[in-house]
């Protein structure tokens, strides 16, 4: 089996374990992006959100490195930025070769389009978005990057009580156009480099259920909020908490 085929097989297996059944078009797209750019789900290069594939910042950097990108220059756009309200705009230029004129991308961020989890880091987010867009232009990558998504950055929309039939059980899937809770959880795990198995154990304990599928949407949302806040405030303390859910290894006499 050649390397691209082996990588695709690994990606498909990881994708199905992380996000469940995939449509035929999703599998075909995964195969295309795996073979064309050698993107690796295990390395955090791709995310599957709301039935679409998205490349990550680390994935774009991996592509640039593999293609021997000569460098990336970023510049703050001072006239378009407003530090007083936390609005930042960056320009990024990617140089594929030493003689390249460069591929330009712009990125902006302000409190209205970044997650509360990273509030105060708008400058860095704007720069990342600019670099992502420039890299996608330089290497002809049609996939949007995760870091550019507005709904991942903006505050969650309030759901209408009347939009759900009376007596129905809340679902852990997508709701009112918002991303699935499982996708939100996967992003947190990747963002803070957490152990998925321990996070799952913590989640079921928090929700008081045998599995997350049995928990209501409200409970899962509460857990995600707790996990996000804990990771932001003190990741080391959170890791210690997660480690408490690890099963001790049996030592044979």
Protein backbone atom coordinates (compact mmCIF):
# COMPACT_ATOMS: atom_id res chain seq x y z
CA UNK A 1 0.00 0.00 0.00
CA UNK A 2 1.46 3.39 -1.00
CA UNK A 3 1.83 6.18 1.52
CA UNK A 4 -1.08 8.37 0.28
CA UNK A 5 -3.44 5.38 0.44
CA UNK A 6 -2.21 4.46 3.92
CA UNK A 7 -2.71 8.04 5.12
CA UNK A 8 -6.21 8.19 3.65
CA UNK A 9 -7.13 4.93 5.34
CA UNK A 10 -5.86 6.30 8.66
CA UNK A 11 -7.69 9.61 8.14
CA UNK A 12 -10.95 7.88 7.27
CA UNK A 13 -10.75 5.64 10.33
CA UNK A 14 -10.05 8.58 12.65
CA UNK A 15 -12.77 10.69 11.02
CA UNK A 16 -15.42 8.01 11.50
CA UNK A 17 -14.41 7.51 15.11
CA UNK A 18 -14.48 11.24 15.81
CA UNK A 19 -17.46 12.36 13.76
CA UNK A 20 -19.49 9.24 13.03
CA UNK A 21 -20.78 8.23 9.61
CA UNK A 22 -19.61 10.35 6.69
CA UNK A 23 -21.47 10.95 3.46
CA UNK A 24 -20.02 9.70 0.20
CA UNK A 25 -19.13 13.26 -0.82
CA UNK A 26 -17.37 13.84 2.52
CA UNK A 27 -15.31 10.68 2.04
CA UNK A 28 -14.45 11.67 -1.52
CA UNK A 29 -13.38 15.14 -0.38
CA UNK A 30 -11.28 13.67 2.43
CA UNK A 31 -9.53 11.42 -0.08
CA UNK A 32 -8.85 14.35 -2.40
CA UNK A 33 -7.38 16.60 0.29
CA UNK A 34 -5.37 13.73 1.76
CA UNK A 35 -3.80 12.81 -1.56
CA UNK A 36 -3.25 16.37 -2.77
CA UNK A 37 -1.80 17.93 0.39
CA UNK A 38 -1.04 14.97 2.70
CA UNK A 39 -3.24 16.50 5.41
CA UNK A 40 -3.29 14.38 8.56
CA UNK A 41 -6.27 14.32 10.92
CA UNK A 42 -4.17 12.78 13.69
CA UNK A 43 -1.90 15.84 13.53
CA UNK A 44 -4.86 18.20 13.71
CA UNK A 45 -4.71 19.31 10.06
CA UNK A 46 -8.41 18.85 9.29
CA UNK A 47 -11.73 19.30 11.09
CA UNK A 48 -15.17 18.11 10.03
CA UNK A 49 -17.78 20.62 11.15
CA UNK A 50 -21.42 20.95 10.12
CA UNK A 51 -20.86 18.35 7.38
CA UNK A 52 -17.95 20.20 5.83
CA UNK A 53 -14.18 19.85 5.93
CA UNK A 54 -12.02 22.69 7.22
CA UNK A 55 -8.26 22.99 7.23
CA UNK A 56 -6.51 24.24 10.37
CA UNK A 57 -3.68 26.71 10.88
CA UNK A 58 -1.30 23.88 11.68
CA UNK A 59 -2.38 22.07 8.51
CA UNK A 60 -1.68 25.12 6.38
CA UNK A 61 1.74 25.56 7.96
CA UNK A 62 2.49 21.90 7.26
CA UNK A 63 1.62 22.39 3.61
CA UNK A 64 3.81 25.48 3.39
CA UNK A 65 6.73 23.67 5.02
CA UNK A 66 6.41 20.63 2.76
CA UNK A 67 6.44 22.91 -0.30
CA UNK A 68 9.46 24.81 0.98
CA UNK A 69 7.77 28.14 1.50
CA UNK A 70 10.40 30.88 1.72
CA UNK A 71 8.63 32.90 4.36
CA UNK A 72 5.60 34.79 5.63
CA UNK A 73 5.55 38.50 6.49
CA UNK A 74 2.78 40.06 8.57
CA UNK A 75 2.04 43.73 9.11
CA UNK A 76 -0.49 45.45 11.31
CA UNK A 77 -2.85 47.70 9.35
CA UNK A 78 -2.85 50.62 11.76
CA UNK A 79 -5.34 52.80 9.91
CA UNK A 80 -7.92 50.01 9.82
CA UNK A 81 -7.31 48.89 13.41
CA UNK A 82 -8.80 50.41 16.54
CA UNK A 83 -7.09 49.19 19.73
CA UNK A 84 -9.57 51.13 21.88
CA UNK A 85 -12.37 48.75 20.88
CA UNK A 86 -10.17 45.68 20.39
CA UNK A 87 -10.34 45.69 16.59
CA UNK A 88 -7.22 44.55 14.73
CA UNK A 89 -6.50 44.08 11.04
CA UNK A 90 -3.40 42.37 9.65
CA UNK A 91 -1.94 41.91 6.21
CA UNK A 92 0.04 38.73 5.53
CA UNK A 93 2.25 38.05 2.53
CA UNK A 94 3.41 34.53 1.67
CA UNK A 95 6.56 34.10 -0.43
CA UNK A 96 6.64 30.71 -2.10
CA UNK A 97 10.07 31.30 -3.61
CA UNK A 98 12.91 33.74 -3.07
CA UNK A 99 11.80 35.71 -6.14
CA UNK A 100 8.09 35.49 -5.49
CA UNK A 101 6.14 38.77 -5.48
CA UNK A 102 4.04 37.31 -2.71
CA UNK A 103 0.44 36.25 -2.10
CA UNK A 104 -1.51 38.61 0.13
CA UNK A 105 -4.26 37.89 2.63
CA UNK A 106 -6.01 40.06 5.22
CA UNK A 107 -7.40 39.05 8.58
CA UNK A 108 -9.49 40.97 11.09
CA UNK A 109 -10.71 40.26 14.61
CA UNK A 110 -12.67 42.14 17.26
CA UNK A 111 -14.77 41.18 20.29
CA UNK A 112 -17.81 40.60 18.08
CA UNK A 113 -16.19 37.83 16.01
CA UNK A 114 -13.96 35.99 18.48
CA UNK A 115 -14.93 33.45 21.09
CA UNK A 116 -15.30 34.59 24.70
CA UNK A 117 -12.72 31.88 25.46
CA UNK A 118 -10.01 33.90 23.74
CA UNK A 119 -11.30 37.39 24.48
CA UNK A 120 -8.33 39.73 24.72
CA UNK A 121 -6.34 37.84 22.08
CA UNK A 122 -7.93 39.57 19.08
CA UNK A 123 -4.56 40.79 17.78
CA UNK A 124 -3.13 37.27 17.53
CA UNK A 125 -6.34 35.91 16.03
CA UNK A 126 -6.37 38.61 13.35
CA UNK A 127 -2.77 37.80 12.43
CA UNK A 128 -3.53 34.06 12.24
CA UNK A 129 -6.51 34.67 9.98
CA UNK A 130 -4.40 36.84 7.68
CA UNK A 131 -1.69 34.17 7.44
CA UNK A 132 -4.28 31.47 6.77
CA UNK A 133 -5.87 33.40 3.93
CA UNK A 134 -2.51 34.21 2.36
CA UNK A 135 -1.42 30.57 2.56
CA UNK A 136 -4.68 29.38 1.03
CA UNK A 137 -4.17 31.78 -1.87
CA UNK A 138 -0.55 30.81 -2.35
CA UNK A 139 -1.20 27.08 -2.54
CA UNK A 140 -4.65 27.08 -4.13
CA UNK A 141 -6.43 25.59 -1.12
CA UNK A 142 -10.18 25.83 -1.54
CA UNK A 143 -10.96 24.74 2.01
CA UNK A 144 -11.80 27.48 4.48
CA UNK A 145 -9.75 27.38 7.65
CA UNK A 146 -11.25 26.71 11.08
CA UNK A 147 -9.77 29.91 12.49
CA UNK A 148 -11.69 31.99 9.93
CA UNK A 149 -15.13 30.70 10.88
CA UNK A 150 -17.36 33.34 12.38
CA UNK A 151 -19.65 30.97 14.27
CA UNK A 152 -16.65 29.42 16.00
CA UNK A 153 -15.58 32.83 17.16
CA UNK A 154 -18.80 34.66 17.87
CA UNK A 155 -21.08 34.18 20.85
CA UNK A 156 -23.62 31.41 20.59
CA UNK A 157 -27.08 32.51 19.52
CA UNK A 158 -29.87 32.10 22.03
CA UNK A 159 -32.17 29.25 21.08
CA UNK A 160 -35.89 29.75 21.00
CA UNK A 161 -37.89 27.63 23.40
CA UNK A 162 -40.83 27.60 21.04
CA UNK A 163 -38.69 26.18 18.21
CA UNK A 164 -38.75 22.75 19.83
CA UNK A 165 -41.93 20.71 20.17
CA UNK A 166 -43.25 20.46 23.72
CA UNK A 167 -42.00 17.42 25.58
CA UNK A 168 -39.31 16.59 23.02
CA UNK A 169 -35.83 15.66 24.20
CA UNK A 170 -33.03 18.12 23.34
CA UNK A 171 -30.58 16.75 20.85
CA UNK A 172 -26.80 16.84 20.95
CA UNK A 173 -26.71 17.53 17.21
CA UNK A 174 -26.84 20.83 15.35
CA UNK A 175 -29.46 23.27 16.63
CA UNK A 176 -30.75 26.50 15.03
CA UNK A 177 -27.80 26.53 12.64
CA UNK A 178 -25.21 26.19 15.42
CA UNK A 179 -22.39 23.60 15.21
CA UNK A 180 -22.92 20.23 16.79
CA UNK A 181 -21.88 19.98 20.40
CA UNK A 182 -19.58 17.11 19.56
CA UNK A 183 -17.77 19.36 17.09
CA UNK A 184 -17.41 22.08 19.71
CA UNK A 185 -15.98 19.54 22.12
CA UNK A 186 -13.53 18.23 19.52
CA UNK A 187 -12.30 21.76 18.90
CA UNK A 188 -11.66 22.34 22.60
CA UNK A 189 -9.79 19.05 22.86
CA UNK A 190 -7.60 19.97 19.90
CA UNK A 191 -7.11 23.58 20.98
CA UNK A 192 -5.89 22.67 24.46
CA UNK A 193 -4.33 19.30 23.57
CA UNK A 194 -6.49 17.30 25.97
CA UNK A 195 -6.91 13.54 26.21
CA UNK A 196 -10.21 12.68 24.46
CA UNK A 197 -10.81 9.56 26.54
CA UNK A 198 -10.36 11.39 29.83
CA UNK A 199 -12.53 14.28 28.64
CA UNK A 200 -15.29 11.80 27.78
CA UNK A 201 -15.03 10.22 31.22
CA UNK A 202 -15.18 13.65 32.86
CA UNK A 203 -18.19 14.58 30.72
CA UNK A 204 -20.24 11.51 31.63
CA UNK A 205 -19.43 12.04 35.30
CA UNK A 206 -20.42 15.69 35.05
CA UNK A 207 -23.70 14.84 33.29
CA UNK A 208 -24.42 11.88 35.57
CA UNK A 209 -25.11 9.52 32.67
CA UNK A 210 -23.62 6.30 31.35
CA UNK A 211 -22.78 7.99 28.04
CA UNK A 212 -22.98 11.45 26.48
CA UNK A 213 -25.72 10.25 24.14
CA UNK A 214 -28.01 9.90 27.13
CA UNK A 215 -27.34 13.44 28.38
CA UNK A 216 -29.58 16.36 27.49
CA UNK A 217 -28.28 19.14 25.30
CA UNK A 218 -28.41 21.59 28.21
CA UNK A 219 -26.16 19.34 30.31
CA UNK A 220 -23.66 18.87 27.51
CA UNK A 221 -23.60 22.62 26.84
CA UNK A 222 -22.94 23.24 30.53
CA UNK A 223 -20.08 20.75 30.49
CA UNK A 224 -18.52 22.35 27.40
CA UNK A 225 -18.72 25.76 29.05
CA UNK A 226 -17.11 24.37 32.21
CA UNK A 227 -14.36 22.64 30.24
CA UNK A 228 -13.63 25.75 28.18
CA UNK A 229 -13.46 28.01 31.23
CA UNK A 230 -11.22 25.56 33.11
CA UNK A 231 -8.86 25.17 30.16
CA UNK A 232 -8.53 28.92 29.75
CA UNK A 233 -8.07 29.73 33.44
CA UNK A 234 -5.69 26.92 34.41
CA UNK A 235 -4.97 24.16 31.91
CA UNK A 236 -2.56 22.37 34.27
CA UNK A 237 -5.26 22.11 36.94
CA UNK A 238 -7.69 20.80 34.33
CA UNK A 239 -5.20 18.15 33.21
CA UNK A 240 -4.82 17.03 36.84
CA UNK A 241 -8.60 16.82 37.07
CA UNK A 242 -8.77 14.75 33.90
CA UNK A 243 -6.00 12.45 35.09
CA UNK A 244 -8.17 11.56 38.07
CA UNK A 245 -10.43 9.74 35.61
CA UNK A 246 -7.61 7.56 34.28
CA UNK A 247 -7.91 3.93 35.23
CA UNK A 248 -4.88 2.83 37.25
CA UNK A 249 -2.73 0.23 35.60
CA UNK A 250 -2.91 -3.12 37.33
CA UNK A 251 0.47 -4.21 38.59
CA UNK A 252 1.00 -7.92 38.54
CA UNK A 253 2.96 -9.41 41.46
